[in-house]
Amino acid sequence: MVFHVILFRPRADLSAAERSALVSSLTTALAEIPAIRRCHVGRRVRHGAGYEALMERELGYAAVIEFDDLAGLQAYLEHPAHAELGARFMQGLEAGFLYDYEMREGGIASGLA
């Protein structure tokens, strides 16, 4: 499996219309791009763990998009629906990190091998 992981902070001045357009473009991408297996979007949870204070940046949102393989991720990135989503996302972004990871079933041992 390949996971497209996005940690981000939207611009503080992002209007309700811009937020709505971003959500709409994500909804369209999820409906139109067959390579997407799952997508999760959510807000950061703070619960008092010591590592929370070690984070240098506050990125209050995350999105994780799952694909069967690298070819699926590449198909997603090349799809016209992603072009609109990516443009809206970058226009609304104040800060963020985007990374892609190949994950294996079976726990830490298989993932680090």
Protein backbone atom coordinates (compact mmCIF):
# COMPACT_ATOMS: atom_id res chain seq x y z
CA MET A 1 0.00 0.00 0.00
CA VAL A 2 1.09 3.56 -0.65
CA PHE A 3 -0.11 6.40 1.55
CA HIS A 4 -0.15 10.07 0.51
CA VAL A 5 0.13 11.92 3.85
CA ILE A 6 -0.61 15.63 4.09
CA LEU A 7 -0.19 17.63 7.31
CA PHE A 8 -1.35 21.20 6.86
CA ARG A 9 -2.55 24.52 8.19
CA PRO A 10 -4.99 26.47 6.01
CA ARG A 11 -4.53 30.20 5.55
CA ALA A 12 -6.19 32.12 8.38
CA ASP A 13 -7.96 34.36 5.87
CA LEU A 14 -9.44 31.50 3.84
CA SER A 15 -13.04 32.43 3.14
CA ALA A 16 -16.03 30.15 3.64
CA ALA A 17 -16.44 30.02 -0.15
CA GLU A 18 -12.81 28.98 -0.62
CA ARG A 19 -13.15 26.27 2.04
CA SER A 20 -16.33 25.03 0.40
CA ALA A 21 -14.64 24.93 -3.02
CA LEU A 22 -11.74 22.95 -1.56
CA VAL A 23 -14.10 20.41 0.03
CA SER A 24 -16.02 20.18 -3.24
CA SER A 25 -12.87 19.51 -5.25
CA LEU A 26 -11.84 16.78 -2.77
CA THR A 27 -15.29 15.20 -3.03
CA THR A 28 -15.02 15.26 -6.83
CA ALA A 29 -11.53 13.72 -6.76
CA LEU A 30 -12.72 10.93 -4.45
CA ALA A 31 -15.63 10.16 -6.78
CA GLU A 32 -13.72 10.38 -10.06
CA ILE A 33 -10.29 8.89 -9.37
CA PRO A 34 -10.56 5.10 -9.22
CA ALA A 35 -7.05 4.59 -7.84
CA ILE A 36 -8.04 6.04 -4.44
CA ARG A 37 -8.81 3.22 -2.00
CA ARG A 38 -9.51 5.28 1.12
CA CYS A 39 -9.26 8.85 2.29
CA HIS A 40 -9.29 10.20 5.84
CA VAL A 41 -9.28 13.89 6.76
CA GLY A 42 -9.30 15.24 10.29
CA ARG A 43 -8.12 17.69 12.91
CA ARG A 44 -5.21 17.27 15.25
CA VAL A 45 -6.06 15.96 18.71
CA ARG A 46 -4.19 17.29 21.71
CA HIS A 47 -4.33 15.24 24.89
CA GLY A 48 -1.33 16.29 26.97
CA ALA A 49 1.33 13.88 25.71
CA GLY A 50 4.88 15.13 26.16
CA TYR A 51 5.74 14.87 22.46
CA GLU A 52 3.12 17.50 21.61
CA ALA A 53 5.41 20.22 22.99
CA LEU A 54 8.27 19.01 20.77
CA MET A 55 6.48 19.79 17.52
CA GLU A 56 8.03 22.89 15.96
CA ARG A 57 5.04 23.74 13.79
CA GLU A 58 1.34 23.67 14.45
CA LEU A 59 -0.31 21.79 11.59
CA GLY A 60 -3.85 21.27 12.79
CA TYR A 61 -5.16 19.14 9.95
CA ALA A 62 -4.19 15.89 8.28
CA ALA A 63 -5.29 13.99 5.20
CA VAL A 64 -4.23 10.44 4.41
CA ILE A 65 -5.05 9.01 0.99
CA GLU A 66 -4.46 5.31 0.39
CA PHE A 67 -3.54 3.58 -2.87
CA ASP A 68 -2.81 -0.03 -3.78
CA ASP A 69 0.61 0.85 -5.19
CA LEU A 70 2.85 3.58 -6.56
CA ALA A 71 1.14 3.38 -9.95
CA GLY A 72 -2.15 4.26 -8.22
CA LEU A 73 -0.60 7.30 -6.56
CA GLN A 74 0.86 8.41 -9.87
CA ALA A 75 -2.51 7.96 -11.61
CA TYR A 76 -4.10 10.12 -8.90
CA LEU A 77 -1.47 12.84 -9.29
CA GLU A 78 -1.95 12.91 -13.08
CA HIS A 79 -5.76 12.90 -13.01
CA PRO A 80 -7.54 16.16 -14.02
CA ALA A 81 -9.60 16.09 -10.80
CA HIS A 82 -6.35 16.15 -8.81
CA ALA A 83 -5.16 19.16 -10.82
CA GLU A 84 -8.10 21.20 -9.51
CA LEU A 85 -7.79 19.81 -5.99
CA GLY A 86 -4.04 20.48 -5.88
CA ALA A 87 -4.45 24.04 -7.13
CA ARG A 88 -7.15 24.86 -4.58
CA PHE A 89 -5.18 23.20 -1.80
CA MET A 90 -1.97 25.12 -2.55
CA GLN A 91 -3.88 28.42 -2.82
CA GLY A 92 -5.42 27.83 0.61
CA LEU A 93 -2.28 26.59 2.31
CA GLU A 94 -0.37 28.55 4.94
CA ALA A 95 1.97 25.69 5.90
CA GLY A 96 2.20 22.01 5.22
CA PHE A 97 4.12 18.82 4.65
CA LEU A 98 3.30 16.30 1.93
CA TYR A 99 4.94 12.88 1.96
CA ASP A 100 4.34 9.51 0.33
CA TYR A 101 5.00 6.23 2.15
CA GLU A 102 4.98 2.60 1.15
CA MET A 103 3.52 0.59 4.02
CA ARG A 104 3.55 -3.15 4.56
CA GLU A 105 1.24 -5.31 6.62
CA GLY A 106 2.79 -7.17 9.50
CA GLY A 107 4.03 -4.54 11.90
CA ILE A 108 7.31 -2.81 12.49
CA ALA A 109 9.63 -5.67 11.55
CA SER A 110 8.34 -5.91 7.98
CA GLY A 111 8.17 -2.12 7.58
CA LEU A 112 11.79 -1.55 8.60
CA ALA A 113 13.24 -4.46 6.64
